[in-house]
Amino acid sequence: MSWGWDYLPSEQHVTAGVPAGFLAAVEQRAAELVRAAEALYLDGTSYQGSGEPMRYLDVASGLIAYYVVPRLELVVVCQLTPPPTP
C-alpha cells in the first residue's frame, strides 16, 4: 500500500458549495498531511494502536475536519468549513 487521502463519505458530499480557491488550499494541505502521516507511520499497515481522533486544521481562514487511519495508510477528510463570504 501507499499513503493517500480521500473524502468521506464522498467528494461530492464534502465539497458541495465550497469555493474553488478554498478547495485548492484544502487539497494542498491534505497532501501535506499525507506526507506527515507517511513519515510518522513508516509501515502503517502494521500499526496496532487504536487510531487517531478527529482533528481540525485551519486552512485559508476555513476549517478541515480529518483523521488518519494508519492501517489503511489513509488521511480522511470528513468536513470542510469554508471561510465566511463578505
N, C-alpha and C. Protein backbone atom coordinates (compact mmCIF):
# COMPACT_ATOMS: atom_id res chain seq x y z
N MET A 1 0.84 -1.19 0.00
CA MET A 1 0.00 0.00 0.00
C MET A 1 0.88 1.24 0.00
N SER A 2 0.29 2.34 -0.38
CA SER A 2 0.97 3.61 -0.25
C SER A 2 -0.04 4.64 0.27
N TRP A 3 0.45 5.61 0.99
CA TRP A 3 -0.38 6.60 1.62
C TRP A 3 -1.12 7.45 0.60
N GLY A 4 -2.31 7.87 0.99
CA GLY A 4 -3.11 8.75 0.17
C GLY A 4 -4.16 9.43 1.05
N TRP A 5 -5.03 10.18 0.41
CA TRP A 5 -6.12 10.82 1.14
C TRP A 5 -7.39 10.75 0.31
N ASP A 6 -8.53 10.89 0.99
CA ASP A 6 -9.81 10.82 0.31
C ASP A 6 -10.86 11.54 1.14
N TYR A 7 -11.98 11.84 0.52
CA TYR A 7 -13.12 12.44 1.20
C TYR A 7 -14.05 11.33 1.68
N LEU A 8 -14.73 11.57 2.83
CA LEU A 8 -15.69 10.61 3.34
C LEU A 8 -16.93 11.38 3.78
N PRO A 9 -18.11 11.08 3.33
CA PRO A 9 -18.50 9.87 2.62
C PRO A 9 -18.19 9.90 1.13
N SER A 10 -18.11 11.10 0.53
CA SER A 10 -17.73 11.19 -0.88
C SER A 10 -17.24 12.61 -1.16
N GLU A 11 -16.48 12.76 -2.23
CA GLU A 11 -16.00 14.08 -2.61
C GLU A 11 -17.18 15.02 -2.87
N GLN A 12 -18.17 14.53 -3.58
CA GLN A 12 -19.33 15.34 -3.92
C GLN A 12 -20.04 15.85 -2.66
N HIS A 13 -20.18 15.00 -1.67
CA HIS A 13 -20.87 15.37 -0.44
C HIS A 13 -20.06 16.40 0.36
N VAL A 14 -18.77 16.16 0.51
CA VAL A 14 -17.94 17.01 1.37
C VAL A 14 -17.66 18.37 0.73
N THR A 15 -17.48 18.40 -0.58
CA THR A 15 -17.07 19.63 -1.25
C THR A 15 -18.22 20.45 -1.83
N ALA A 16 -19.45 20.02 -1.67
CA ALA A 16 -20.60 20.73 -2.24
C ALA A 16 -20.64 22.19 -1.77
N GLY A 17 -20.64 23.10 -2.73
CA GLY A 17 -20.76 24.52 -2.42
C GLY A 17 -19.50 25.20 -1.92
N VAL A 18 -18.38 24.50 -1.92
CA VAL A 18 -17.13 25.07 -1.42
C VAL A 18 -16.45 25.85 -2.55
N PRO A 19 -16.00 27.08 -2.29
CA PRO A 19 -15.33 27.86 -3.33
C PRO A 19 -14.06 27.16 -3.84
N ALA A 20 -13.79 27.32 -5.13
CA ALA A 20 -12.67 26.63 -5.77
C ALA A 20 -11.33 26.99 -5.14
N GLY A 21 -11.12 28.24 -4.76
CA GLY A 21 -9.86 28.64 -4.14
C GLY A 21 -9.63 27.96 -2.81
N PHE A 22 -10.68 27.87 -2.01
CA PHE A 22 -10.57 27.18 -0.73
C PHE A 22 -10.33 25.70 -0.94
N LEU A 23 -11.00 25.11 -1.91
CA LEU A 23 -10.83 23.69 -2.20
C LEU A 23 -9.40 23.38 -2.62
N ALA A 24 -8.80 24.24 -3.41
CA ALA A 24 -7.40 24.05 -3.82
C ALA A 24 -6.48 24.07 -2.60
N ALA A 25 -6.73 24.99 -1.65
CA ALA A 25 -5.93 25.05 -0.43
C ALA A 25 -6.12 23.80 0.42
N VAL A 26 -7.35 23.29 0.47
CA VAL A 26 -7.64 22.07 1.22
C VAL A 26 -6.88 20.89 0.63
N GLU A 27 -6.91 20.75 -0.68
CA GLU A 27 -6.24 19.61 -1.33
C GLU A 27 -4.73 19.69 -1.16
N GLN A 28 -4.18 20.90 -1.17
CA GLN A 28 -2.75 21.06 -0.92
C GLN A 28 -2.41 20.65 0.51
N ARG A 29 -3.23 21.08 1.46
CA ARG A 29 -2.98 20.73 2.86
C ARG A 29 -3.17 19.24 3.09
N ALA A 30 -4.13 18.62 2.43
CA ALA A 30 -4.35 17.17 2.56
C ALA A 30 -3.12 16.41 2.08
N ALA A 31 -2.50 16.88 1.00
CA ALA A 31 -1.28 16.23 0.51
C ALA A 31 -0.15 16.38 1.54
N GLU A 32 -0.08 17.53 2.21
CA GLU A 32 0.93 17.71 3.26
C GLU A 32 0.66 16.78 4.45
N LEU A 33 -0.61 16.61 4.80
CA LEU A 33 -0.97 15.69 5.88
C LEU A 33 -0.57 14.26 5.55
N VAL A 34 -0.72 13.88 4.29
CA VAL A 34 -0.32 12.54 3.86
C VAL A 34 1.19 12.36 4.04
N ARG A 35 1.96 13.35 3.63
CA ARG A 35 3.42 13.25 3.78
C ARG A 35 3.82 13.15 5.25
N ALA A 36 3.14 13.92 6.11
CA ALA A 36 3.44 13.87 7.55
C ALA A 36 3.08 12.51 8.15
N ALA A 37 1.92 11.98 7.78
CA ALA A 37 1.49 10.68 8.29
C ALA A 37 2.43 9.57 7.81
N GLU A 38 2.86 9.69 6.57
CA GLU A 38 3.78 8.70 6.00
C GLU A 38 5.10 8.68 6.76
N ALA A 39 5.57 9.85 7.18
CA ALA A 39 6.80 9.94 7.95
C ALA A 39 6.61 9.43 9.38
N LEU A 40 5.43 9.67 9.96
CA LEU A 40 5.16 9.24 11.33
C LEU A 40 4.92 7.74 11.43
N TYR A 41 4.18 7.19 10.49
CA TYR A 41 3.86 5.76 10.48
C TYR A 41 4.59 5.11 9.31
N LEU A 42 5.83 4.73 9.53
CA LEU A 42 6.65 4.21 8.43
C LEU A 42 6.03 2.99 7.77
N ASP A 43 5.40 2.13 8.56
CA ASP A 43 4.67 0.99 7.99
C ASP A 43 3.29 0.99 8.62
N GLY A 44 2.42 1.79 8.07
CA GLY A 44 1.08 1.94 8.63
C GLY A 44 0.29 0.66 8.68
N THR A 45 0.51 -0.24 7.73
CA THR A 45 -0.26 -1.48 7.68
C THR A 45 -0.03 -2.36 8.90
N SER A 46 1.08 -2.18 9.58
CA SER A 46 1.35 -2.99 10.77
C SER A 46 1.01 -2.25 12.06
N TYR A 47 0.39 -1.09 11.96
CA TYR A 47 0.03 -0.29 13.13
C TYR A 47 -0.94 -1.08 14.01
N GLN A 48 -0.69 -1.07 15.34
CA GLN A 48 -1.51 -1.84 16.27
C GLN A 48 -2.32 -0.99 17.24
N GLY A 49 -2.17 0.33 17.18
CA GLY A 49 -2.87 1.19 18.13
C GLY A 49 -4.35 1.34 17.79
N SER A 50 -5.02 2.18 18.58
CA SER A 50 -6.46 2.38 18.40
C SER A 50 -6.79 3.41 17.32
N GLY A 51 -5.83 4.05 16.78
CA GLY A 51 -6.08 5.06 15.75
C GLY A 51 -6.14 6.45 16.35
N GLU A 52 -6.15 7.42 15.50
CA GLU A 52 -6.14 8.81 15.94
C GLU A 52 -7.56 9.37 16.01
N PRO A 53 -7.75 10.36 16.88
CA PRO A 53 -9.06 11.02 16.95
C PRO A 53 -9.23 12.00 15.78
N MET A 54 -10.43 12.48 15.61
CA MET A 54 -10.71 13.51 14.62
C MET A 54 -9.89 14.74 14.98
N ARG A 55 -9.34 15.36 13.96
CA ARG A 55 -8.56 16.59 14.17
C ARG A 55 -9.13 17.68 13.28
N TYR A 56 -8.83 18.91 13.67
CA TYR A 56 -9.30 20.07 12.93
C TYR A 56 -8.11 20.94 12.58
N LEU A 57 -8.13 21.51 11.39
CA LEU A 57 -7.00 22.28 10.90
C LEU A 57 -7.50 23.53 10.20
N ASP A 58 -6.89 24.66 10.56
CA ASP A 58 -7.23 25.93 9.92
C ASP A 58 -6.54 25.98 8.55
N VAL A 59 -7.33 26.24 7.52
CA VAL A 59 -6.81 26.35 6.16
C VAL A 59 -7.46 27.54 5.48
N ALA A 60 -6.65 28.50 5.06
CA ALA A 60 -7.13 29.66 4.30
C ALA A 60 -8.36 30.29 4.97
N SER A 61 -8.29 30.48 6.28
CA SER A 61 -9.37 31.07 7.09
C SER A 61 -10.61 30.19 7.18
N GLY A 62 -10.51 28.95 6.74
CA GLY A 62 -11.59 27.98 6.87
C GLY A 62 -11.13 26.84 7.76
N LEU A 63 -11.86 25.75 7.75
CA LEU A 63 -11.56 24.64 8.64
C LEU A 63 -11.74 23.30 7.93
N ILE A 64 -10.82 22.36 8.23
CA ILE A 64 -10.90 20.99 7.74
C ILE A 64 -11.05 20.08 8.96
N ALA A 65 -11.97 19.13 8.88
CA ALA A 65 -12.07 18.06 9.88
C ALA A 65 -11.54 16.81 9.20
N TYR A 66 -10.56 16.16 9.83
CA TYR A 66 -9.93 14.99 9.22
C TYR A 66 -9.45 14.02 10.30
N TYR A 67 -9.16 12.81 9.88
CA TYR A 67 -8.49 11.86 10.76
C TYR A 67 -7.58 10.97 9.94
N VAL A 68 -6.64 10.32 10.62
CA VAL A 68 -5.65 9.46 9.97
C VAL A 68 -5.97 8.01 10.33
N VAL A 69 -5.99 7.16 9.34
CA VAL A 69 -6.21 5.73 9.54
C VAL A 69 -4.91 5.01 9.15
N PRO A 70 -4.01 4.80 10.12
CA PRO A 70 -2.70 4.24 9.79
C PRO A 70 -2.77 2.88 9.09
N ARG A 71 -3.66 1.99 9.55
CA ARG A 71 -3.71 0.65 8.96
C ARG A 71 -4.11 0.66 7.49
N LEU A 72 -4.86 1.67 7.09
CA LEU A 72 -5.26 1.80 5.68
C LEU A 72 -4.33 2.76 4.93
N GLU A 73 -3.38 3.36 5.67
CA GLU A 73 -2.47 4.37 5.12
C GLU A 73 -3.28 5.44 4.38
N LEU A 74 -4.21 6.05 5.14
CA LEU A 74 -5.17 6.96 4.55
C LEU A 74 -5.45 8.14 5.48
N VAL A 75 -5.46 9.33 4.91
CA VAL A 75 -5.94 10.52 5.60
C VAL A 75 -7.35 10.77 5.07
N VAL A 76 -8.32 10.88 5.96
CA VAL A 76 -9.72 11.02 5.57
C VAL A 76 -10.20 12.43 5.91
N VAL A 77 -10.65 13.14 4.89
CA VAL A 77 -11.22 14.48 5.08
C VAL A 77 -12.74 14.32 5.16
N CYS A 78 -13.32 14.71 6.30
CA CYS A 78 -14.75 14.46 6.56
C CYS A 78 -15.63 15.68 6.39
N GLN A 79 -15.07 16.85 6.68
CA GLN A 79 -15.90 18.05 6.65
C GLN A 79 -15.05 19.26 6.32
N LEU A 80 -15.61 20.16 5.52
CA LEU A 80 -14.97 21.41 5.18
C LEU A 80 -15.87 22.56 5.62
N THR A 81 -15.27 23.55 6.26
CA THR A 81 -15.99 24.76 6.60
C THR A 81 -15.26 25.91 5.93
N PRO A 82 -15.78 26.40 4.81
CA PRO A 82 -15.08 27.47 4.10
C PRO A 82 -15.12 28.76 4.89
N PRO A 83 -14.23 29.70 4.55
CA PRO A 83 -14.26 30.99 5.23
C PRO A 83 -15.56 31.73 4.93
N PRO A 84 -15.96 32.60 5.84
CA PRO A 84 -17.19 33.36 5.58
C PRO A 84 -17.02 34.26 4.36
N THR A 85 -18.10 34.44 3.63
CA THR A 85 -18.05 35.33 2.47
C THR A 85 -18.44 36.74 2.91
N PRO A 86 -17.73 37.72 2.40
CA PRO A 86 -18.02 39.11 2.82
C PRO A 86 -19.33 39.61 2.27
